[in-house]
C-alpha atoms as a PDB file:
ATOM      1  CA  UNK A   1     -60.895 -23.649 -20.402  1.00  0.00           C
ATOM      2  CA  UNK A   2     -63.284 -26.557 -18.730  1.00  0.00           C
ATOM      3  CA  UNK A   3     -65.828 -24.188 -17.015  1.00  0.00           C
ATOM      4  CA  UNK A   4     -65.512 -27.460 -14.119  1.00  0.00           C
ATOM      5  CA  UNK A   5     -61.880 -27.165 -13.767  1.00  0.00           C
ATOM      6  CA  UNK A   6     -61.676 -23.275 -13.452  1.00  0.00           C
ATOM      7  CA  UNK A   7     -64.295 -23.621 -11.164  1.00  0.00           C
ATOM      8  CA  UNK A   8     -62.523 -26.219  -8.540  1.00  0.00           C
ATOM      9  CA  UNK A   9     -59.359 -24.032  -9.205  1.00  0.00           C
ATOM     10  CA  UNK A  10     -61.266 -20.752  -7.614  1.00  0.00           C
ATOM     11  CA  UNK A  11     -63.122 -22.540  -4.982  1.00  0.00           C
ATOM     12  CA  UNK A  12     -59.930 -24.152  -3.833  1.00  0.00           C
ATOM     13  CA  UNK A  13     -58.008 -21.073  -3.465  1.00  0.00           C
ATOM     14  CA  UNK A  14     -61.181 -19.474  -1.902  1.00  0.00           C
ATOM     15  CA  UNK A  15     -61.449 -21.746   0.770  1.00  0.00           C
ATOM     16  CA  UNK A  16     -57.996 -21.495   1.538  1.00  0.00           C
ATOM     17  CA  UNK A  17     -57.982 -18.106   1.843  1.00  0.00           C
ATOM     18  CA  UNK A  18     -61.081 -18.523   4.366  1.00  0.00           C
ATOM     19  CA  UNK A  19     -58.761 -20.131   6.530  1.00  0.00           C
ATOM     20  CA  UNK A  20     -58.481 -18.131   9.896  1.00  0.00           C
ATOM     21  CA  UNK A  21     -55.411 -15.799  10.224  1.00  0.00           C
ATOM     22  CA  UNK A  22     -52.598 -16.915  12.304  1.00  0.00           C
ATOM     23  CA  UNK A  23     -52.133 -14.448  15.173  1.00  0.00           C
ATOM     24  CA  UNK A  24     -50.732 -11.304  14.169  1.00  0.00           C
ATOM     25  CA  UNK A  25     -50.211  -7.848  15.688  1.00  0.00           C
ATOM     26  CA  UNK A  26     -48.590  -5.751  13.020  1.00  0.00           C
ATOM     27  CA  UNK A  27     -48.931  -4.577   9.306  1.00  0.00           C
ATOM     28  CA  UNK A  28     -47.836  -7.313   6.987  1.00  0.00           C
ATOM     29  CA  UNK A  29     -44.471  -6.519   5.389  1.00  0.00           C
ATOM     30  CA  UNK A  30     -44.357  -7.441   1.275  1.00  0.00           C
ATOM     31  CA  UNK A  31     -41.048  -6.595   0.522  1.00  0.00           C
ATOM     32  CA  UNK A  32     -38.135  -8.963   0.067  1.00  0.00           C
ATOM     33  CA  UNK A  33     -37.355 -11.996  -2.076  1.00  0.00           C
ATOM     34  CA  UNK A  34     -39.572 -14.551  -2.692  1.00  0.00           C
ATOM     35  CA  UNK A  35     -40.044 -18.213  -4.638  1.00  0.00           C
ATOM     36  CA  UNK A  36     -42.650 -20.276  -4.945  1.00  0.00           C
ATOM     37  CA  UNK A  37     -44.891 -22.062  -8.430  1.00  0.00           C
ATOM     38  CA  UNK A  38     -47.837 -21.697  -9.924  1.00  0.00           C
ATOM     39  CA  UNK A  39     -50.398 -24.843 -11.062  1.00  0.00           C
ATOM     40  CA  UNK A  40     -53.512 -24.676 -12.961  1.00  0.00           C
ATOM     41  CA  UNK A  41     -54.828 -24.658 -16.442  1.00  0.00           C
ATOM     42  CA  UNK A  42     -53.831 -22.489 -20.054  1.00  0.00           C
ATOM     43  CA  UNK A  43     -55.921 -22.678 -23.105  1.00  0.00           C
ATOM     44  CA  UNK A  44     -55.775 -20.922 -26.820  1.00  0.00           C
ATOM     45  CA  UNK A  45     -57.939 -18.153 -27.362  1.00  0.00           C
ATOM     46  CA  UNK A  46     -59.689 -18.779 -30.978  1.00  0.00           C
ATOM     47  CA  UNK A  47     -58.025 -16.854 -33.744  1.00  0.00           C
ATOM     48  CA  UNK A  48     -60.346 -17.474 -36.658  1.00  0.00           C
ATOM     49  CA  UNK A  49     -57.398 -17.597 -39.021  1.00  0.00           C
ATOM     50  CA  UNK A  50     -56.739 -20.160 -42.441  1.00  0.00           C
ATOM     51  CA  UNK A  51     -54.128 -21.404 -44.342  1.00  0.00           C
ATOM     52  CA  UNK A  52     -52.579 -18.587 -46.551  1.00  0.00           C
ATOM     53  CA  UNK A  53     -50.286 -19.549 -50.121  1.00  0.00           C
ATOM     54  CA  UNK A  54     -47.825 -18.189 -52.359  1.00  0.00           C
ATOM     55  CA  UNK A  55     -48.036 -19.946 -55.153  1.00  0.00           C
ATOM     56  CA  UNK A  56     -44.624 -18.205 -57.289  1.00  0.00           C
ATOM     57  CA  UNK A  57     -42.473 -18.004 -54.168  1.00  0.00           C
ATOM     58  CA  UNK A  58     -42.236 -14.248 -54.023  1.00  0.00           C
ATOM     59  CA  UNK A  59     -42.799 -13.866 -50.502  1.00  0.00           C
ATOM     60  CA  UNK A  60     -46.657 -12.600 -50.339  1.00  0.00           C
ATOM     61  CA  UNK A  61     -48.837 -14.156 -49.240  1.00  0.00           C
ATOM     62  CA  UNK A  62     -52.930 -14.556 -50.290  1.00  0.00           C
ATOM     63  CA  UNK A  63     -52.619 -16.165 -53.591  1.00  0.00           C
ATOM     64  CA  UNK A  64     -54.959 -18.224 -54.854  1.00  0.00           C
ATOM     65  CA  UNK A  65     -54.107 -22.077 -55.706  1.00  0.00           C
ATOM     66  CA  UNK A  66     -55.771 -23.047 -58.973  1.00  0.00           C
ATOM     67  CA  UNK A  67     -56.151 -26.355 -60.760  1.00  0.00           C
ATOM     68  CA  UNK A  68     -54.641 -26.505 -64.810  1.00  0.00           C
ATOM     69  CA  UNK A  69     -58.677 -26.266 -65.488  1.00  0.00           C
ATOM     70  CA  UNK A  70     -58.210 -22.654 -63.862  1.00  0.00           C
ATOM     71  CA  UNK A  71     -60.561 -23.505 -61.167  1.00  0.00           C
ATOM     72  CA  UNK A  72     -59.637 -22.810 -57.031  1.00  0.00           C
ATOM     73  CA  UNK A  73     -58.135 -25.658 -55.711  1.00  0.00           C
ATOM     74  CA  UNK A  74     -58.895 -24.974 -52.494  1.00  0.00           C
ATOM     75  CA  UNK A  75     -62.424 -24.078 -53.320  1.00  0.00           C
ATOM     76  CA  UNK A  76     -63.626 -27.052 -50.419  1.00  0.00           C
ATOM     77  CA  UNK A  77     -62.648 -24.380 -47.568  1.00  0.00           C
ATOM     78  CA  UNK A  78     -61.000 -23.572 -44.348  1.00  0.00           C
ATOM     79  CA  UNK A  79     -61.727 -24.123 -40.688  1.00  0.00           C
ATOM     80  CA  UNK A  80     -59.892 -22.498 -37.461  1.00  0.00           C
ATOM     81  CA  UNK A  81     -59.144 -26.146 -36.314  1.00  0.00           C
ATOM     82  CA  UNK A  82     -58.018 -29.863 -36.824  1.00  0.00           C
ATOM     83  CA  UNK A  83     -59.095 -31.438 -39.989  1.00  0.00           C
ATOM     84  CA  UNK A  84     -61.063 -34.598 -38.962  1.00  0.00           C
ATOM     85  CA  UNK A  85     -60.810 -36.008 -42.945  1.00  0.00           C
ATOM     86  CA  UNK A  86     -60.244 -34.783 -46.248  1.00  0.00           C
ATOM     87  CA  UNK A  87     -63.127 -33.443 -46.839  1.00  0.00           C
ATOM     88  CA  UNK A  88     -65.093 -30.602 -44.716  1.00  0.00           C
ATOM     89  CA  UNK A  89     -67.876 -32.617 -44.225  1.00  0.00           C
ATOM     90  CA  UNK A  90     -65.867 -34.517 -41.700  1.00  0.00           C
ATOM     91  CA  UNK A  91     -65.816 -31.586 -39.454  1.00  0.00           C
ATOM     92  CA  UNK A  92     -63.109 -30.050 -37.419  1.00  0.00           C
ATOM     93  CA  UNK A  93     -62.076 -30.673 -33.538  1.00  0.00           C
ATOM     94  CA  UNK A  94     -61.426 -27.362 -31.386  1.00  0.00           C
ATOM     95  CA  UNK A  95     -58.641 -26.368 -30.529  1.00  0.00           C
ATOM     96  CA  UNK A  96     -57.164 -27.899 -26.688  1.00  0.00           C
ATOM     97  CA  UNK A  97     -56.211 -26.696 -23.609  1.00  0.00           C
ATOM     98  CA  UNK A  98     -53.748 -28.528 -20.869  1.00  0.00           C
ATOM     99  CA  UNK A  99     -52.615 -28.241 -17.913  1.00  0.00           C
ATOM    100  CA  UNK A 100     -49.816 -25.073 -17.052  1.00  0.00           C
ATOM    101  CA  UNK A 101     -47.297 -25.798 -14.214  1.00  0.00           C
ATOM    102  CA  UNK A 102     -43.914 -23.831 -13.551  1.00  0.00           C
ATOM    103  CA  UNK A 103     -41.573 -22.099 -11.235  1.00  0.00           C
ATOM    104  CA  UNK A 104     -41.209 -18.350 -10.303  1.00  0.00           C
ATOM    105  CA  UNK A 105     -38.819 -16.314  -8.331  1.00  0.00           C
ATOM    106  CA  UNK A 106     -38.953 -12.409  -7.376  1.00  0.00           C
ATOM    107  CA  UNK A 107     -38.180  -9.439  -5.441  1.00  0.00           C
ATOM    108  CA  UNK A 108     -41.071  -7.129  -3.940  1.00  0.00           C
ATOM    109  CA  UNK A 109     -40.758  -3.408  -2.664  1.00  0.00           C
ATOM    110  CA  UNK A 110     -43.161  -1.949  -0.630  1.00  0.00           C
ATOM    111  CA  UNK A 111     -44.006   1.570   0.654  1.00  0.00           C
ATOM    112  CA  UNK A 112     -47.310   1.606   2.625  1.00  0.00           C
ATOM    113  CA  UNK A 113     -50.007  -0.011   0.727  1.00  0.00           C
ATOM    114  CA  UNK A 114     -48.390  -0.040  -2.243  1.00  0.00           C
ATOM    115  CA  UNK A 115     -46.424  -3.124  -3.515  1.00  0.00           C
ATOM    116  CA  UNK A 116     -44.101  -3.403  -6.616  1.00  0.00           C
ATOM    117  CA  UNK A 117     -41.817  -5.336  -7.550  1.00  0.00           C
ATOM    118  CA  UNK A 118     -40.478  -8.387 -10.386  1.00  0.00           C
ATOM    119  CA  UNK A 119     -41.089 -11.515 -11.137  1.00  0.00           C
ATOM    120  CA  UNK A 120     -39.142 -14.221 -13.389  1.00  0.00           C
ATOM    121  CA  UNK A 121     -41.199 -17.444 -13.784  1.00  0.00           C
ATOM    122  CA  UNK A 122     -41.010 -20.535 -15.845  1.00  0.00           C
ATOM    123  CA  UNK A 123     -43.733 -22.526 -16.995  1.00  0.00           C
ATOM    124  CA  UNK A 124     -44.915 -25.562 -18.760  1.00  0.00           C
ATOM    125  CA  UNK A 125     -47.855 -25.198 -20.980  1.00  0.00           C
ATOM    126  CA  UNK A 126     -50.213 -27.609 -23.024  1.00  0.00           C
ATOM    127  CA  UNK A 127     -52.568 -24.840 -25.705  1.00  0.00           C
ATOM    128  CA  UNK A 128     -53.067 -26.755 -28.989  1.00  0.00           C
ATOM    129  CA  UNK A 129     -54.246 -24.389 -31.867  1.00  0.00           C
ATOM    130  CA  UNK A 130     -54.846 -25.943 -34.945  1.00  0.00           C
ATOM    131  CA  UNK A 131     -56.001 -24.775 -39.019  1.00  0.00           C
ATOM    132  CA  UNK A 132     -56.833 -26.355 -42.027  1.00  0.00           C
ATOM    133  CA  UNK A 133     -57.408 -26.251 -45.698  1.00  0.00           C
ATOM    134  CA  UNK A 134     -59.509 -28.145 -47.523  1.00  0.00           C
ATOM    135  CA  UNK A 135     -58.512 -28.775 -51.780  1.00  0.00           C
ATOM    136  CA  UNK A 136     -60.365 -30.413 -54.274  1.00  0.00           C
ATOM    137  CA  UNK A 137     -58.348 -33.581 -54.656  1.00  0.00           C
ATOM    138  CA  UNK A 138     -60.061 -33.856 -51.904  1.00  0.00           C
ATOM    139  CA  UNK A 139     -57.634 -33.813 -49.316  1.00  0.00           C
ATOM    140  CA  UNK A 140     -56.836 -32.148 -45.916  1.00  0.00           C
ATOM    141  CA  UNK A 141     -53.985 -29.803 -44.948  1.00  0.00           C
ATOM    142  CA  UNK A 142     -53.527 -28.775 -41.414  1.00  0.00           C
ATOM    143  CA  UNK A 143     -50.854 -26.352 -39.278  1.00  0.00           C
ATOM    144  CA  UNK A 144     -51.107 -26.944 -35.576  1.00  0.00           C
ATOM    145  CA  UNK A 145     -49.243 -24.737 -32.770  1.00  0.00           C
ATOM    146  CA  UNK A 146     -48.088 -26.596 -29.578  1.00  0.00           C
ATOM    147  CA  UNK A 147     -47.130 -24.683 -26.738  1.00  0.00           C
ATOM    148  CA  UNK A 148     -44.770 -26.367 -24.768  1.00  0.00           C
ATOM    149  CA  UNK A 149     -42.889 -23.782 -22.401  1.00  0.00           C
ATOM    150  CA  UNK A 150     -42.897 -20.222 -21.503  1.00  0.00           C
ATOM    151  CA  UNK A 151     -40.080 -17.740 -19.876  1.00  0.00           C
ATOM    152  CA  UNK A 152     -41.039 -14.716 -18.656  1.00  0.00           C
ATOM    153  CA  UNK A 153     -39.787 -11.492 -17.042  1.00  0.00           C
ATOM    154  CA  UNK A 154     -42.752  -9.330 -15.537  1.00  0.00           C
ATOM    155  CA  UNK A 155     -43.316  -6.133 -13.378  1.00  0.00           C
ATOM    156  CA  UNK A 156     -46.200  -6.079 -11.219  1.00  0.00           C
ATOM    157  CA  UNK A 157     -47.846  -3.267  -8.817  1.00  0.00           C
ATOM    158  CA  UNK A 158     -50.477  -4.012  -6.496  1.00  0.00           C
ATOM    159  CA  UNK A 159     -52.227  -2.977  -3.269  1.00  0.00           C
ATOM    160  CA  UNK A 160     -52.668  -4.482   0.171  1.00  0.00           C
ATOM    161  CA  UNK A 161     -55.904  -5.075   2.489  1.00  0.00           C
ATOM    162  CA  UNK A 162     -57.154  -6.505   4.861  1.00  0.00           C
ATOM    163  CA  UNK A 163     -57.302  -6.389   9.258  1.00  0.00           C
ATOM    164  CA  UNK A 164     -52.995  -6.126   8.978  1.00  0.00           C
ATOM    165  CA  UNK A 165     -52.560  -6.396   5.058  1.00  0.00           C
ATOM    166  CA  UNK A 166     -52.575  -9.901   4.493  1.00  0.00           C
ATOM    167  CA  UNK A 167     -54.079  -9.461   1.263  1.00  0.00           C
ATOM    168  CA  UNK A 168     -52.668  -8.589  -1.973  1.00  0.00           C
ATOM    169  CA  UNK A 169     -54.398  -7.334  -4.860  1.00  0.00           C
ATOM    170  CA  UNK A 170     -52.261  -7.285  -8.262  1.00  0.00           C
ATOM    171  CA  UNK A 171     -51.390  -6.224 -11.467  1.00  0.00           C
ATOM    172  CA  UNK A 172     -48.696  -7.854 -13.660  1.00  0.00           C
ATOM    173  CA  UNK A 173     -47.006  -7.353 -17.194  1.00  0.00           C
ATOM    174  CA  UNK A 174     -43.906  -8.359 -19.415  1.00  0.00           C
ATOM    175  CA  UNK A 175     -42.664 -10.365 -21.662  1.00  0.00           C
ATOM    176  CA  UNK A 176     -42.719 -13.714 -22.603  1.00  0.00           C
ATOM    177  CA  UNK A 177     -40.708 -16.470 -24.873  1.00  0.00           C
ATOM    178  CA  UNK A 178     -42.708 -19.329 -25.988  1.00  0.00           C
ATOM    179  CA  UNK A 179     -41.476 -22.843 -27.239  1.00  0.00           C
ATOM    180  CA  UNK A 180     -43.769 -23.827 -29.841  1.00  0.00           C
ATOM    181  CA  UNK A 181     -43.800 -27.054 -31.244  1.00  0.00           C
ATOM    182  CA  UNK A 182     -44.939 -26.817 -35.236  1.00  0.00           C
ATOM    183  CA  UNK A 183     -46.785 -29.897 -36.363  1.00  0.00           C
ATOM    184  CA  UNK A 184     -48.395 -30.288 -39.873  1.00  0.00           C
ATOM    185  CA  UNK A 185     -50.270 -33.068 -41.322  1.00  0.00           C
ATOM    186  CA  UNK A 186     -51.895 -33.935 -44.554  1.00  0.00           C
ATOM    187  CA  UNK A 187     -53.596 -36.630 -46.529  1.00  0.00           C
ATOM    188  CA  UNK A 188     -52.046 -35.519 -49.507  1.00  0.00           C
ATOM    189  CA  UNK A 189     -49.636 -38.414 -50.681  1.00  0.00           C
ATOM    190  CA  UNK A 190     -47.898 -37.371 -54.103  1.00  0.00           C
ATOM    191  CA  UNK A 191     -46.640 -33.955 -53.012  1.00  0.00           C
ATOM    192  CA  UNK A 192     -43.531 -33.421 -50.664  1.00  0.00           C
ATOM    193  CA  UNK A 193     -43.310 -31.045 -47.857  1.00  0.00           C
ATOM    194  CA  UNK A 194     -40.340 -29.019 -46.232  1.00  0.00           C
ATOM    195  CA  UNK A 195     -41.481 -27.835 -42.482  1.00  0.00           C
ATOM    196  CA  UNK A 196     -39.748 -24.204 -41.709  1.00  0.00           C
ATOM    197  CA  UNK A 197     -39.046 -22.047 -39.454  1.00  0.00           C
ATOM    198  CA  UNK A 198     -38.229 -20.590 -35.451  1.00  0.00           C
ATOM    199  CA  UNK A 199     -39.957 -23.032 -32.547  1.00  0.00           C
ATOM    200  CA  UNK A 200     -38.743 -20.013 -29.901  1.00  0.00           C
ATOM    201  CA  UNK A 201     -40.969 -16.582 -30.357  1.00  0.00           C
ATOM    202  CA  UNK A 202     -41.421 -13.988 -28.326  1.00  0.00           C
ATOM    203  CA  UNK A 203     -44.428 -11.160 -27.070  1.00  0.00           C
ATOM    204  CA  UNK A 204     -45.910 -10.308 -24.326  1.00  0.00           C
ATOM    205  CA  UNK A 205     -48.385 -11.419 -21.476  1.00  0.00           C
ATOM    206  CA  UNK A 206     -50.085  -9.169 -18.614  1.00  0.00           C
ATOM    207  CA  UNK A 207     -52.698 -10.246 -15.884  1.00  0.00           C
ATOM    208  CA  UNK A 208     -54.145  -9.879 -12.643  1.00  0.00           C
ATOM    209  CA  UNK A 209     -54.116 -12.121  -9.082  1.00  0.00           C
ATOM    210  CA  UNK A 210     -54.547 -12.150  -5.363  1.00  0.00           C
ATOM    211  CA  UNK A 211     -52.921 -13.554  -2.847  1.00  0.00           C
ATOM    212  CA  UNK A 212     -53.085 -13.761   0.971  1.00  0.00           C
ATOM    213  CA  UNK A 213     -51.082 -14.598   3.441  1.00  0.00           C
ATOM    214  CA  UNK A 214     -51.317 -17.870   5.421  1.00  0.00           C
ATOM    215  CA  UNK A 215     -48.462 -18.181   7.270  1.00  0.00           C
ATOM    216  CA  UNK A 216     -45.619 -15.808   8.210  1.00  0.00           C
ATOM    217  CA  UNK A 217     -43.729 -16.462   5.141  1.00  0.00           C
ATOM    218  CA  UNK A 218     -46.181 -18.577   2.860  1.00  0.00           C
ATOM    219  CA  UNK A 219     -49.042 -16.930   0.833  1.00  0.00           C
ATOM    220  CA  UNK A 220     -50.975 -18.393  -1.850  1.00  0.00           C
ATOM    221  CA  UNK A 221     -53.164 -17.138  -4.925  1.00  0.00           C
ATOM    222  CA  UNK A 222     -54.982 -16.818  -7.955  1.00  0.00           C
ATOM    223  CA  UNK A 223     -53.678 -15.771 -11.295  1.00  0.00           C
ATOM    224  CA  UNK A 224     -55.062 -14.828 -14.561  1.00  0.00           C
ATOM    225  CA  UNK A 225     -52.484 -14.359 -17.496  1.00  0.00           C
ATOM    226  CA  UNK A 226     -52.930 -13.211 -20.789  1.00  0.00           C
ATOM    227  CA  UNK A 227     -50.074 -14.092 -23.577  1.00  0.00           C
ATOM    228  CA  UNK A 228     -49.453 -13.247 -26.932  1.00  0.00           C
ATOM    229  CA  UNK A 229     -46.656 -14.071 -28.714  1.00  0.00           C
ATOM    230  CA  UNK A 230     -45.504 -13.488 -32.883  1.00  0.00           C
ATOM    231  CA  UNK A 231     -45.679 -16.533 -34.480  1.00  0.00           C
ATOM    232  CA  UNK A 232     -45.168 -15.215 -38.322  1.00  0.00           C
ATOM    233  CA  UNK A 233     -41.772 -17.313 -39.174  1.00  0.00           C
ATOM    234  CA  UNK A 234     -43.180 -21.347 -39.895  1.00  0.00           C
ATOM    235  CA  UNK A 235     -43.755 -22.361 -43.439  1.00  0.00           C
ATOM    236  CA  UNK A 236     -44.728 -25.385 -45.294  1.00  0.00           C
ATOM    237  CA  UNK A 237     -43.282 -25.486 -48.293  1.00  0.00           C
ATOM    238  CA  UNK A 238     -44.783 -27.947 -50.879  1.00  0.00           C
ATOM    239  CA  UNK A 239     -42.413 -29.301 -53.720  1.00  0.00           C
ATOM    240  CA  UNK A 240     -43.182 -31.654 -56.708  1.00  0.00           C
ATOM    241  CA  UNK A 241     -42.718 -35.604 -54.838  1.00  0.00           C
ATOM    242  CA  UNK A 242     -44.496 -37.615 -56.963  1.00  0.00           C
ATOM    243  CA  UNK A 243     -47.293 -35.413 -58.355  1.00  0.00           C
ATOM    244  CA  UNK A 244     -47.634 -34.716 -61.814  1.00  0.00           C
ATOM    245  CA  UNK A 245     -46.082 -31.400 -63.500  1.00  0.00           C
ATOM    246  CA  UNK A 246     -49.884 -29.977 -63.713  1.00  0.00           C
ATOM    247  CA  UNK A 247     -50.319 -29.910 -59.932  1.00  0.00           C
ATOM    248  CA  UNK A 248     -51.754 -27.299 -58.627  1.00  0.00           C
ATOM    249  CA  UNK A 249     -48.780 -26.719 -56.482  1.00  0.00           C
ATOM    250  CA  UNK A 250     -46.554 -26.558 -59.234  1.00  0.00           C
ATOM    251  CA  UNK A 251     -48.296 -24.327 -61.938  1.00  0.00           C
ATOM    252  CA  UNK A 252     -47.064 -20.899 -61.345  1.00  0.00           C
ATOM    253  CA  UNK A 253     -43.562 -22.045 -59.858  1.00  0.00           C
ATOM    254  CA  UNK A 254     -42.347 -25.416 -60.791  1.00  0.00           C
ATOM    255  CA  UNK A 255     -40.213 -25.304 -57.932  1.00  0.00           C
ATOM    256  CA  UNK A 256     -43.492 -25.536 -55.749  1.00  0.00           C
ATOM    257  CA  UNK A 257     -45.737 -23.378 -53.139  1.00  0.00           C
ATOM    258  CA  UNK A 258     -45.065 -21.814 -49.754  1.00  0.00           C
ATOM    259  CA  UNK A 259     -47.986 -21.979 -47.464  1.00  0.00           C
ATOM    260  CA  UNK A 260     -48.313 -20.369 -43.395  1.00  0.00           C
ATOM    261  CA  UNK A 261     -51.122 -19.501 -41.290  1.00  0.00           C
ATOM    262  CA  UNK A 262     -52.824 -15.755 -41.878  1.00  0.00           C
ATOM    263  CA  UNK A 263     -53.033 -15.253 -38.411  1.00  0.00           C
ATOM    264  CA  UNK A 264     -49.361 -14.261 -36.654  1.00  0.00           C
ATOM    265  CA  UNK A 265     -50.153 -14.140 -33.683  1.00  0.00           C
ATOM    266  CA  UNK A 266     -50.940 -16.970 -30.943  1.00  0.00           C
ATOM    267  CA  UNK A 267     -52.824 -16.173 -27.709  1.00  0.00           C
ATOM    268  CA  UNK A 268     -53.419 -18.356 -24.847  1.00  0.00           C
ATOM    269  CA  UNK A 269     -54.784 -17.576 -21.188  1.00  0.00           C
ATOM    270  CA  UNK A 270     -53.775 -18.770 -18.187  1.00  0.00           C
ATOM    271  CA  UNK A 271     -55.803 -19.661 -14.865  1.00  0.00           C
ATOM    272  CA  UNK A 272     -53.579 -20.937 -12.041  1.00  0.00           C
ATOM    273  CA  UNK A 273     -52.884 -21.105  -7.928  1.00  0.00           C
ATOM    274  CA  UNK A 274     -49.818 -19.602  -6.998  1.00  0.00           C
ATOM    275  CA  UNK A 275     -47.815 -21.025  -3.803  1.00  0.00           C
ATOM    276  CA  UNK A 276     -45.001 -18.632  -2.899  1.00  0.00           C
ATOM    277  CA  UNK A 277     -42.368 -18.359   0.299  1.00  0.00           C
ATOM    278  CA  UNK A 278     -40.675 -15.470   1.273  1.00  0.00           C
ATOM    279  CA  UNK A 279     -37.314 -14.898   2.872  1.00  0.00           C
END
């Protein structure tokens, strides 16, 4: 994430938390139902992946695609990013993060200083993660994951502190389902390409956060979440199109070649402000 953006989020929360507390004469009660929202930024974690090939269509990946002369058709190499042109010399752009915002609802129970509960959350995100391959043609092939939304159900456990227990420091973890837009681009205009796979994937997330009650029913906070989803189903199928029969993608199996990303996990982190109203 952009360091300046994250810093501004943290400063805003700390400034809100530093506001003088409202008059209180008893320990704060964090139990009960709550509803709120979150606003921040998300960014993919570098995967170090590449594109992997199945040139005999047996379901096994890691094959080498070769030219009619037996040379490695992808000897120019790979990059962890979106290709800027047909050759590695054109460079690859970095993965991109973006805004992260959503709604949440949950229920907490409190026993002394210990607080535990459940939270359900729906979030709109914008993290983009790409890998690219370069062929000797020359041509580029780029596969991109673009995070759309996440739906999560997490448990959380925390500890209150401060004069009347008006701060809550907590850890949270649970299951997440993400909707991912899978994109593919190439400068190869001879072969035909078909995209296959599921756009909804499952995984888990975990994080930490802090909240402070600024009014009797209102709390503000700062939260970091790490998410990992299993995105190993998406494939690109290459068939002949207008290419000649000795096209590298057709030499082992005339029906073509499949390829996918070598990294099956999509990982991203989110830092966000939270605002919660307790009933």
